[in-house]
């Protein structure tokens, strides 16, 4: 994966030096990366939601008295009757079918740490996704700048696509020293 830590403005200089074929390849690669990052963001969102539900369930479970009869979920839609024998111990799924017995407070702490880690990863992925999405949005502009494509560009009442993009993203077209 190509790094885009510098953002769209840094990539403009690189893109201006590329041929049409290189720009098309970069667009294809960046589109794939954006889709992969979107999938990762969705997976993190799903995992975070599950952990938040588990954390809420642990809190609710800690409030129930021992010996209380209750319905125990086997799946999302299948419940069986059970009795709460030890309200102070829980089994924590640590992945790939492995479970660890923890106290109630350790289980809550585990959920909170995992939620915080996932939220941190989510924030980092969002930043990366935005940088790649900006690159993807600027690629048509770079393709337009190449002469063979200028004649094919549609103009909207005398305003070219290039003018629209420059007015939308003015900071991306400033020189390195900050002058525009």
N, C-alpha and C. Protein backbone atom coordinates (compact mmCIF):
# COMPACT_ATOMS: atom_id res chain seq x y z
N UNK A 1 0.82 -1.17 0.00
CA UNK A 1 0.00 0.00 0.00
C UNK A 1 0.87 1.23 0.00
N UNK A 2 0.51 2.19 -0.80
CA UNK A 2 1.24 3.44 -0.84
C UNK A 2 0.86 4.28 0.36
N UNK A 3 1.84 4.96 0.90
CA UNK A 3 1.57 5.81 2.06
C UNK A 3 1.02 7.14 1.61
N UNK A 4 0.03 7.62 2.33
CA UNK A 4 -0.54 8.92 1.99
C UNK A 4 -0.58 9.80 3.23
N UNK A 5 0.40 9.65 4.10
CA UNK A 5 0.42 10.40 5.35
C UNK A 5 0.47 11.91 5.09
N UNK A 6 1.07 12.33 3.96
CA UNK A 6 1.19 13.74 3.66
C UNK A 6 -0.11 14.36 3.22
N UNK A 7 -1.11 13.57 2.92
CA UNK A 7 -2.40 14.09 2.50
C UNK A 7 -2.43 14.40 1.02
N UNK A 8 -3.52 15.01 0.58
CA UNK A 8 -3.76 15.28 -0.83
C UNK A 8 -2.80 16.29 -1.42
N UNK A 9 -2.44 17.34 -0.66
CA UNK A 9 -1.58 18.38 -1.21
C UNK A 9 -0.21 17.83 -1.59
N UNK A 10 0.34 16.96 -0.77
CA UNK A 10 1.65 16.38 -1.07
C UNK A 10 1.57 15.44 -2.27
N UNK A 11 0.44 14.77 -2.43
CA UNK A 11 0.29 13.82 -3.52
C UNK A 11 0.10 14.52 -4.86
N UNK A 12 -0.38 15.78 -4.86
CA UNK A 12 -0.61 16.51 -6.11
C UNK A 12 0.69 16.61 -6.89
N UNK A 13 1.77 16.98 -6.22
CA UNK A 13 3.06 17.11 -6.90
C UNK A 13 3.50 15.80 -7.52
N UNK A 14 3.28 14.69 -6.82
CA UNK A 14 3.63 13.38 -7.35
C UNK A 14 2.75 13.03 -8.54
N UNK A 15 1.46 13.33 -8.44
CA UNK A 15 0.52 12.97 -9.50
C UNK A 15 0.76 13.77 -10.77
N UNK A 16 1.22 15.02 -10.64
CA UNK A 16 1.45 15.85 -11.82
C UNK A 16 2.56 15.27 -12.70
N UNK A 17 3.45 14.50 -12.14
CA UNK A 17 4.57 13.92 -12.88
C UNK A 17 4.23 12.57 -13.50
N UNK A 18 3.04 12.05 -13.23
CA UNK A 18 2.67 10.71 -13.70
C UNK A 18 2.03 10.76 -15.08
N UNK A 19 2.20 9.65 -15.80
CA UNK A 19 1.54 9.50 -17.10
C UNK A 19 0.08 9.11 -16.87
N UNK A 20 -0.70 9.13 -17.94
CA UNK A 20 -2.11 8.76 -17.86
C UNK A 20 -2.25 7.32 -17.35
N UNK A 21 -1.40 6.41 -17.84
CA UNK A 21 -1.47 5.01 -17.43
C UNK A 21 -1.16 4.87 -15.93
N UNK A 22 -0.15 5.63 -15.47
CA UNK A 22 0.19 5.58 -14.05
C UNK A 22 -0.95 6.14 -13.19
N UNK A 23 -1.58 7.21 -13.67
CA UNK A 23 -2.71 7.78 -12.94
C UNK A 23 -3.87 6.81 -12.86
N UNK A 24 -4.14 6.11 -13.96
CA UNK A 24 -5.23 5.13 -13.96
C UNK A 24 -4.91 3.99 -12.99
N UNK A 25 -3.65 3.54 -12.99
CA UNK A 25 -3.25 2.47 -12.07
C UNK A 25 -3.35 2.94 -10.61
N UNK A 26 -2.93 4.19 -10.37
CA UNK A 26 -3.02 4.75 -9.02
C UNK A 26 -4.48 4.86 -8.59
N UNK A 27 -5.35 5.27 -9.49
CA UNK A 27 -6.77 5.38 -9.16
C UNK A 27 -7.34 4.01 -8.81
N UNK A 28 -7.00 3.00 -9.60
CA UNK A 28 -7.48 1.64 -9.32
C UNK A 28 -6.98 1.16 -7.96
N UNK A 29 -5.69 1.37 -7.70
CA UNK A 29 -5.11 0.95 -6.42
C UNK A 29 -5.75 1.70 -5.26
N UNK A 30 -5.91 3.00 -5.41
CA UNK A 30 -6.49 3.81 -4.34
C UNK A 30 -7.94 3.44 -4.09
N UNK A 31 -8.69 3.15 -5.16
CA UNK A 31 -10.08 2.71 -5.00
C UNK A 31 -10.14 1.42 -4.19
N UNK A 32 -9.23 0.48 -4.49
CA UNK A 32 -9.18 -0.78 -3.74
C UNK A 32 -8.84 -0.53 -2.27
N UNK A 33 -7.87 0.36 -2.03
CA UNK A 33 -7.48 0.68 -0.66
C UNK A 33 -8.63 1.33 0.11
N UNK A 34 -9.35 2.25 -0.55
CA UNK A 34 -10.49 2.91 0.09
C UNK A 34 -11.55 1.88 0.46
N UNK A 35 -11.83 0.95 -0.45
CA UNK A 35 -12.82 -0.10 -0.17
C UNK A 35 -12.37 -1.01 0.96
N UNK A 36 -11.09 -1.38 0.98
CA UNK A 36 -10.55 -2.21 2.05
C UNK A 36 -10.64 -1.50 3.39
N UNK A 37 -10.28 -0.22 3.40
CA UNK A 37 -10.37 0.55 4.64
C UNK A 37 -11.82 0.69 5.09
N UNK A 38 -12.74 0.85 4.15
CA UNK A 38 -14.16 0.94 4.50
C UNK A 38 -14.63 -0.36 5.14
N UNK A 39 -14.21 -1.49 4.58
CA UNK A 39 -14.55 -2.79 5.18
C UNK A 39 -13.98 -2.91 6.59
N UNK A 40 -12.73 -2.48 6.76
CA UNK A 40 -12.10 -2.53 8.09
C UNK A 40 -12.85 -1.64 9.09
N UNK A 41 -13.26 -0.46 8.63
CA UNK A 41 -14.02 0.43 9.50
C UNK A 41 -15.34 -0.20 9.92
N UNK A 42 -16.00 -0.85 8.98
CA UNK A 42 -17.26 -1.53 9.30
C UNK A 42 -17.04 -2.66 10.30
N UNK A 43 -15.96 -3.43 10.12
CA UNK A 43 -15.65 -4.52 11.05
C UNK A 43 -15.36 -3.99 12.46
N UNK A 44 -14.62 -2.90 12.54
CA UNK A 44 -14.32 -2.31 13.84
C UNK A 44 -15.60 -1.80 14.50
N UNK A 45 -16.46 -1.17 13.70
CA UNK A 45 -17.74 -0.68 14.23
C UNK A 45 -18.56 -1.84 14.79
N UNK A 46 -18.61 -2.94 14.06
CA UNK A 46 -19.37 -4.12 14.50
C UNK A 46 -18.78 -4.69 15.79
N UNK A 47 -17.46 -4.84 15.83
CA UNK A 47 -16.81 -5.39 17.03
C UNK A 47 -17.02 -4.47 18.24
N UNK A 48 -16.94 -3.17 18.02
CA UNK A 48 -17.15 -2.22 19.11
C UNK A 48 -18.57 -2.32 19.65
N UNK A 49 -19.53 -2.43 18.74
CA UNK A 49 -20.93 -2.56 19.15
C UNK A 49 -21.14 -3.83 19.97
N UNK A 50 -20.55 -4.94 19.53
CA UNK A 50 -20.68 -6.20 20.28
C UNK A 50 -20.07 -6.09 21.67
N UNK A 51 -18.91 -5.45 21.76
CA UNK A 51 -18.27 -5.29 23.07
C UNK A 51 -19.09 -4.36 23.98
N UNK A 52 -19.68 -3.32 23.40
CA UNK A 52 -20.53 -2.43 24.20
C UNK A 52 -21.75 -3.18 24.72
N UNK A 53 -22.32 -4.04 23.89
CA UNK A 53 -23.46 -4.87 24.32
C UNK A 53 -23.02 -5.82 25.43
N UNK A 54 -21.83 -6.42 25.27
CA UNK A 54 -21.31 -7.34 26.30
C UNK A 54 -21.07 -6.59 27.61
N UNK A 55 -20.53 -5.38 27.52
CA UNK A 55 -20.27 -4.59 28.71
C UNK A 55 -21.58 -4.25 29.44
N UNK A 56 -22.59 -3.90 28.67
CA UNK A 56 -23.91 -3.62 29.25
C UNK A 56 -24.49 -4.88 29.90
N UNK A 57 -24.33 -6.02 29.23
CA UNK A 57 -24.82 -7.29 29.78
C UNK A 57 -24.11 -7.63 31.09
N UNK A 58 -22.81 -7.38 31.15
CA UNK A 58 -22.06 -7.63 32.39
C UNK A 58 -22.58 -6.74 33.52
N UNK A 59 -22.84 -5.49 33.19
CA UNK A 59 -23.37 -4.57 34.21
C UNK A 59 -24.73 -5.07 34.71
N UNK A 60 -25.61 -5.43 33.78
CA UNK A 60 -26.93 -5.94 34.16
C UNK A 60 -26.82 -7.22 34.98
N UNK A 61 -25.89 -8.09 34.59
CA UNK A 61 -25.70 -9.36 35.28
C UNK A 61 -25.20 -9.13 36.71
N UNK A 62 -24.35 -8.13 36.88
CA UNK A 62 -23.81 -7.86 38.23
C UNK A 62 -24.88 -7.36 39.19
N UNK A 63 -25.98 -6.84 38.66
CA UNK A 63 -27.06 -6.34 39.51
C UNK A 63 -28.04 -7.43 39.93
N UNK A 64 -27.97 -8.58 39.28
CA UNK A 64 -28.91 -9.68 39.60
C UNK A 64 -28.42 -10.47 40.81
N UNK A 65 -29.34 -10.90 41.66
CA UNK A 65 -28.93 -11.70 42.83
C UNK A 65 -28.60 -13.14 42.43
N UNK A 66 -27.72 -13.78 43.22
CA UNK A 66 -27.38 -15.18 42.98
C UNK A 66 -28.61 -16.05 43.19
N UNK A 67 -28.71 -17.13 42.40
CA UNK A 67 -29.83 -18.04 42.49
C UNK A 67 -31.04 -17.60 41.68
N UNK A 68 -30.94 -16.47 41.03
CA UNK A 68 -32.05 -15.93 40.23
C UNK A 68 -32.21 -16.74 38.96
N UNK A 69 -33.46 -17.12 38.67
CA UNK A 69 -33.75 -17.83 37.42
C UNK A 69 -33.82 -16.80 36.30
N UNK A 70 -33.27 -17.19 35.15
CA UNK A 70 -33.23 -16.27 34.01
C UNK A 70 -33.12 -17.04 32.71
N UNK A 71 -33.32 -16.34 31.60
CA UNK A 71 -33.12 -16.94 30.28
C UNK A 71 -31.69 -16.63 29.84
N UNK A 72 -30.98 -17.67 29.41
CA UNK A 72 -29.58 -17.54 28.99
C UNK A 72 -29.53 -17.60 27.47
N UNK A 73 -28.93 -16.60 26.82
CA UNK A 73 -28.88 -16.62 25.35
C UNK A 73 -27.83 -17.61 24.84
N UNK A 74 -28.26 -18.51 23.96
CA UNK A 74 -27.32 -19.41 23.28
C UNK A 74 -26.90 -18.80 21.95
N UNK A 75 -27.85 -18.16 21.28
CA UNK A 75 -27.59 -17.41 20.05
C UNK A 75 -28.37 -16.10 20.18
N UNK A 76 -28.39 -15.32 19.11
CA UNK A 76 -29.12 -14.05 19.15
C UNK A 76 -30.62 -14.25 19.29
N UNK A 77 -31.12 -15.42 18.89
CA UNK A 77 -32.57 -15.64 18.94
C UNK A 77 -32.98 -16.89 19.72
N UNK A 78 -32.03 -17.60 20.34
CA UNK A 78 -32.35 -18.82 21.07
C UNK A 78 -31.91 -18.69 22.53
N UNK A 79 -32.88 -18.83 23.44
CA UNK A 79 -32.62 -18.71 24.87
C UNK A 79 -33.06 -19.98 25.58
N UNK A 80 -32.35 -20.34 26.66
CA UNK A 80 -32.72 -21.50 27.48
C UNK A 80 -32.81 -21.04 28.93
N UNK A 81 -33.67 -21.70 29.72
CA UNK A 81 -33.77 -21.32 31.13
C UNK A 81 -32.51 -21.72 31.90
N UNK A 82 -32.12 -20.89 32.85
CA UNK A 82 -30.94 -21.18 33.66
C UNK A 82 -31.04 -20.47 34.99
N UNK A 83 -30.07 -20.78 35.85
CA UNK A 83 -30.01 -20.16 37.17
C UNK A 83 -28.65 -19.52 37.34
N UNK A 84 -28.62 -18.33 37.87
CA UNK A 84 -27.37 -17.61 38.09
C UNK A 84 -26.72 -18.14 39.37
N UNK A 85 -25.67 -18.97 39.21
CA UNK A 85 -25.01 -19.57 40.37
C UNK A 85 -23.90 -18.68 40.93
N UNK A 86 -23.01 -18.20 40.06
CA UNK A 86 -21.90 -17.36 40.51
C UNK A 86 -21.96 -16.04 39.76
N UNK A 87 -22.49 -15.02 40.40
CA UNK A 87 -22.64 -13.72 39.76
C UNK A 87 -21.33 -12.94 39.72
N UNK A 88 -20.32 -13.42 40.42
CA UNK A 88 -19.06 -12.69 40.47
C UNK A 88 -18.02 -13.21 39.48
N UNK A 89 -18.34 -14.24 38.71
CA UNK A 89 -17.39 -14.79 37.73
C UNK A 89 -18.04 -14.87 36.36
N UNK A 90 -17.24 -14.58 35.33
CA UNK A 90 -17.73 -14.64 33.95
C UNK A 90 -16.69 -15.32 33.07
N UNK A 91 -17.13 -15.85 31.94
CA UNK A 91 -16.22 -16.38 30.93
C UNK A 91 -16.09 -15.34 29.83
N UNK A 92 -14.85 -15.00 29.50
CA UNK A 92 -14.58 -13.99 28.48
C UNK A 92 -14.03 -14.68 27.25
N UNK A 93 -14.66 -14.44 26.11
CA UNK A 93 -14.21 -14.99 24.83
C UNK A 93 -13.01 -14.17 24.37
N UNK A 94 -11.84 -14.79 24.32
CA UNK A 94 -10.63 -14.08 23.90
C UNK A 94 -10.27 -14.39 22.45
N UNK A 95 -11.13 -15.10 21.75
CA UNK A 95 -10.93 -15.35 20.32
C UNK A 95 -10.63 -16.79 20.00
N UNK A 96 -10.93 -17.18 18.79
CA UNK A 96 -10.73 -18.52 18.22
C UNK A 96 -11.19 -19.64 19.13
N UNK A 97 -12.31 -19.42 19.80
CA UNK A 97 -12.90 -20.47 20.62
C UNK A 97 -12.30 -20.62 22.01
N UNK A 98 -11.44 -19.70 22.43
CA UNK A 98 -10.83 -19.77 23.76
C UNK A 98 -11.55 -18.82 24.71
N UNK A 99 -11.80 -19.32 25.92
CA UNK A 99 -12.47 -18.54 26.95
C UNK A 99 -11.60 -18.51 28.20
N UNK A 100 -11.65 -17.41 28.92
CA UNK A 100 -10.90 -17.26 30.17
C UNK A 100 -11.88 -16.86 31.26
N UNK A 101 -11.77 -17.51 32.41
CA UNK A 101 -12.63 -17.14 33.54
C UNK A 101 -12.04 -15.92 34.23
N UNK A 102 -12.89 -14.92 34.44
CA UNK A 102 -12.47 -13.68 35.09
C UNK A 102 -13.52 -13.27 36.10
N UNK A 103 -13.12 -12.40 37.01
CA UNK A 103 -14.11 -11.84 37.93
C UNK A 103 -14.96 -10.85 37.15
N UNK A 104 -16.07 -10.45 37.72
CA UNK A 104 -16.97 -9.52 37.05
C UNK A 104 -16.25 -8.21 36.72
N UNK A 105 -15.50 -7.68 37.68
CA UNK A 105 -14.80 -6.41 37.43
C UNK A 105 -13.71 -6.57 36.38
N UNK A 106 -13.01 -7.71 36.37
CA UNK A 106 -12.00 -7.96 35.33
C UNK A 106 -12.66 -8.07 33.95
N UNK A 107 -13.83 -8.69 33.90
CA UNK A 107 -14.56 -8.81 32.64
C UNK A 107 -14.99 -7.45 32.11
N UNK A 108 -15.49 -6.59 33.01
CA UNK A 108 -15.87 -5.23 32.61
C UNK A 108 -14.66 -4.45 32.13
N UNK A 109 -13.55 -4.58 32.87
CA UNK A 109 -12.31 -3.89 32.50
C UNK A 109 -11.81 -4.36 31.14
N UNK A 110 -11.88 -5.66 30.89
CA UNK A 110 -11.46 -6.22 29.61
C UNK A 110 -12.28 -5.60 28.47
N UNK A 111 -13.59 -5.55 28.65
CA UNK A 111 -14.46 -4.97 27.62
C UNK A 111 -14.11 -3.51 27.37
N UNK A 112 -13.92 -2.74 28.42
CA UNK A 112 -13.61 -1.32 28.27
C UNK A 112 -12.27 -1.10 27.57
N UNK A 113 -11.25 -1.90 27.93
CA UNK A 113 -9.95 -1.78 27.27
C UNK A 113 -10.05 -2.09 25.78
N UNK A 114 -10.79 -3.16 25.45
CA UNK A 114 -10.95 -3.54 24.04
C UNK A 114 -11.73 -2.46 23.28
N UNK A 115 -12.76 -1.90 23.90
CA UNK A 115 -13.53 -0.84 23.26
C UNK A 115 -12.64 0.37 22.99
N UNK A 116 -11.83 0.77 23.97
CA UNK A 116 -10.93 1.91 23.79
C UNK A 116 -9.91 1.65 22.70
N UNK A 117 -9.37 0.43 22.66
CA UNK A 117 -8.41 0.07 21.61
C UNK A 117 -9.05 0.14 20.23
N UNK A 118 -10.25 -0.41 20.11
CA UNK A 118 -10.95 -0.39 18.82
C UNK A 118 -11.29 1.03 18.40
N UNK A 119 -11.68 1.87 19.33
CA UNK A 119 -11.99 3.27 18.99
C UNK A 119 -10.74 4.00 18.53
N UNK A 120 -9.61 3.72 19.16
CA UNK A 120 -8.34 4.32 18.75
C UNK A 120 -7.98 3.87 17.33
N UNK A 121 -8.10 2.56 17.07
CA UNK A 121 -7.83 2.04 15.73
C UNK A 121 -8.79 2.64 14.71
N UNK A 122 -10.05 2.82 15.10
CA UNK A 122 -11.06 3.40 14.22
C UNK A 122 -10.65 4.82 13.83
N UNK A 123 -10.20 5.61 14.80
CA UNK A 123 -9.79 6.99 14.52
C UNK A 123 -8.61 7.03 13.56
N UNK A 124 -7.64 6.13 13.74
CA UNK A 124 -6.48 6.09 12.84
C UNK A 124 -6.90 5.68 11.43
N UNK A 125 -7.80 4.69 11.34
CA UNK A 125 -8.27 4.26 10.02
C UNK A 125 -9.09 5.34 9.33
N UNK A 126 -9.87 6.09 10.07
CA UNK A 126 -10.65 7.19 9.49
C UNK A 126 -9.71 8.20 8.84
N UNK A 127 -8.63 8.55 9.53
CA UNK A 127 -7.67 9.51 8.98
C UNK A 127 -7.05 8.97 7.69
N UNK A 128 -6.65 7.72 7.71
CA UNK A 128 -6.06 7.09 6.52
C UNK A 128 -7.08 7.03 5.39
N UNK A 129 -8.31 6.67 5.72
CA UNK A 129 -9.38 6.57 4.72
C UNK A 129 -9.64 7.94 4.09
N UNK A 130 -9.67 9.00 4.90
CA UNK A 130 -9.91 10.34 4.36
C UNK A 130 -8.79 10.77 3.42
N UNK A 131 -7.54 10.47 3.78
CA UNK A 131 -6.42 10.82 2.90
C UNK A 131 -6.52 10.10 1.56
N UNK A 132 -6.85 8.82 1.60
CA UNK A 132 -6.97 8.06 0.35
C UNK A 132 -8.19 8.50 -0.46
N UNK A 133 -9.27 8.83 0.24
CA UNK A 133 -10.47 9.31 -0.46
C UNK A 133 -10.19 10.65 -1.14
N UNK A 134 -9.40 11.51 -0.50
CA UNK A 134 -9.01 12.78 -1.12
C UNK A 134 -8.18 12.52 -2.36
N UNK A 135 -7.23 11.60 -2.25
CA UNK A 135 -6.41 11.25 -3.42
C UNK A 135 -7.29 10.75 -4.55
N UNK A 136 -8.24 9.89 -4.23
CA UNK A 136 -9.15 9.35 -5.24
C UNK A 136 -9.96 10.47 -5.89
N UNK A 137 -10.38 11.44 -5.09
CA UNK A 137 -11.19 12.53 -5.66
C UNK A 137 -10.36 13.48 -6.52
N UNK A 138 -9.04 13.55 -6.27
CA UNK A 138 -8.19 14.44 -7.05
C UNK A 138 -7.68 13.80 -8.34
N UNK A 139 -7.75 12.49 -8.44
CA UNK A 139 -7.23 11.81 -9.64
C UNK A 139 -7.95 12.22 -10.93
N UNK A 140 -9.28 12.36 -10.95
CA UNK A 140 -9.90 12.81 -12.21
C UNK A 140 -9.38 14.17 -12.66
N UNK A 141 -9.07 15.04 -11.71
CA UNK A 141 -8.51 16.34 -12.04
C UNK A 141 -7.16 16.18 -12.74
N UNK A 142 -6.33 15.29 -12.21
CA UNK A 142 -5.02 15.07 -12.82
C UNK A 142 -5.16 14.46 -14.22
N UNK A 143 -6.12 13.57 -14.38
CA UNK A 143 -6.36 13.01 -15.72
C UNK A 143 -6.82 14.11 -16.67
N UNK A 144 -7.63 15.04 -16.18
CA UNK A 144 -8.13 16.14 -17.01
C UNK A 144 -6.99 17.02 -17.47
N UNK A 145 -5.98 17.20 -16.63
CA UNK A 145 -4.86 18.08 -16.97
C UNK A 145 -4.06 17.57 -18.17
N UNK A 146 -4.12 16.26 -18.43
CA UNK A 146 -3.41 15.72 -19.59
C UNK A 146 -4.16 16.12 -20.86
N UNK A 147 -3.45 16.62 -21.85
CA UNK A 147 -4.04 17.15 -23.09
C UNK A 147 -5.10 16.27 -23.73
N UNK A 148 -4.88 14.96 -23.92
CA UNK A 148 -5.89 14.16 -24.62
C UNK A 148 -7.24 14.18 -23.91
N UNK A 149 -7.24 14.41 -22.62
CA UNK A 149 -8.50 14.37 -21.88
C UNK A 149 -9.19 15.73 -21.83
N UNK A 150 -8.45 16.82 -22.07
CA UNK A 150 -9.05 18.14 -21.98
C UNK A 150 -10.18 18.31 -22.98
N UNK A 151 -10.00 17.77 -24.18
CA UNK A 151 -11.04 17.92 -25.20
C UNK A 151 -12.28 17.12 -24.85
N UNK A 152 -12.14 16.08 -24.03
CA UNK A 152 -13.28 15.24 -23.67
C UNK A 152 -14.01 15.74 -22.42
N UNK A 153 -13.42 16.72 -21.72
CA UNK A 153 -14.02 17.21 -20.48
C UNK A 153 -15.26 18.03 -20.78
N UNK A 154 -16.30 17.78 -20.04
CA UNK A 154 -17.51 18.56 -20.24
C UNK A 154 -17.42 19.86 -19.46
N UNK A 155 -17.91 20.92 -20.04
CA UNK A 155 -17.94 22.22 -19.39
C UNK A 155 -19.38 22.52 -19.01
N UNK A 156 -19.56 23.05 -17.81
CA UNK A 156 -20.88 23.39 -17.33
C UNK A 156 -21.06 24.91 -17.43
N UNK A 157 -21.75 25.35 -18.49
CA UNK A 157 -22.00 26.77 -18.71
C UNK A 157 -20.72 27.59 -18.61
N UNK A 158 -19.68 27.14 -19.27
CA UNK A 158 -18.43 27.87 -19.32
C UNK A 158 -17.49 27.62 -18.15
N UNK A 159 -17.89 26.83 -17.18
CA UNK A 159 -17.03 26.54 -16.03
C UNK A 159 -16.54 25.11 -16.17
N UNK A 160 -15.23 24.93 -16.22
CA UNK A 160 -14.68 23.58 -16.39
C UNK A 160 -14.65 22.84 -15.07
N UNK A 161 -14.51 21.53 -15.17
CA UNK A 161 -14.38 20.66 -14.00
C UNK A 161 -13.18 21.11 -13.17
N UNK A 162 -12.10 21.50 -13.86
CA UNK A 162 -10.89 21.96 -13.19
C UNK A 162 -11.20 23.17 -12.30
N UNK A 163 -11.96 24.13 -12.80
CA UNK A 163 -12.30 25.32 -12.02
C UNK A 163 -13.11 24.97 -10.79
N UNK A 164 -14.02 24.02 -10.95
CA UNK A 164 -14.85 23.60 -9.82
C UNK A 164 -13.99 22.96 -8.74
N UNK A 165 -13.07 22.08 -9.13
CA UNK A 165 -12.23 21.40 -8.15
C UNK A 165 -11.27 22.38 -7.48
N UNK A 166 -10.69 23.31 -8.25
CA UNK A 166 -9.77 24.29 -7.67
C UNK A 166 -10.50 25.15 -6.65
N UNK A 167 -11.73 25.55 -6.96
CA UNK A 167 -12.47 26.38 -6.00
C UNK A 167 -12.92 25.57 -4.79
N UNK A 168 -13.10 24.27 -4.96
CA UNK A 168 -13.52 23.41 -3.85
C UNK A 168 -12.36 23.05 -2.94
N UNK A 169 -11.19 22.79 -3.53
CA UNK A 169 -10.00 22.39 -2.76
C UNK A 169 -8.85 23.37 -3.00
N UNK A 170 -8.98 24.65 -2.64
CA UNK A 170 -7.92 25.62 -2.96
C UNK A 170 -6.60 25.32 -2.27
N UNK A 171 -6.62 24.76 -1.07
CA UNK A 171 -5.37 24.51 -0.35
C UNK A 171 -4.52 23.44 -1.03
N UNK A 172 -5.13 22.61 -1.86
CA UNK A 172 -4.39 21.56 -2.54
C UNK A 172 -3.58 22.10 -3.72
N UNK A 173 -3.83 23.35 -4.12
CA UNK A 173 -3.17 23.89 -5.30
C UNK A 173 -2.22 25.02 -4.95
N UNK A 174 -1.84 25.12 -3.70
CA UNK A 174 -0.88 26.12 -3.29
C UNK A 174 0.52 25.58 -3.48
N UNK A 175 1.45 26.49 -3.69
CA UNK A 175 2.85 26.11 -3.84
C UNK A 175 3.39 25.65 -2.49
N UNK A 176 4.53 24.98 -2.50
CA UNK A 176 5.16 24.44 -1.29
C UNK A 176 5.41 25.53 -0.24
N UNK A 177 5.77 26.78 -0.67
CA UNK A 177 6.09 27.84 0.29
C UNK A 177 4.84 28.48 0.89
N UNK A 178 3.65 28.04 0.46
CA UNK A 178 2.40 28.53 1.03
C UNK A 178 1.72 29.58 0.20
N UNK A 179 2.38 30.11 -0.85
CA UNK A 179 1.71 31.10 -1.71
C UNK A 179 0.87 30.39 -2.74
N UNK A 180 -0.23 30.98 -3.14
CA UNK A 180 -1.15 30.32 -4.04
C UNK A 180 -1.11 30.75 -5.44
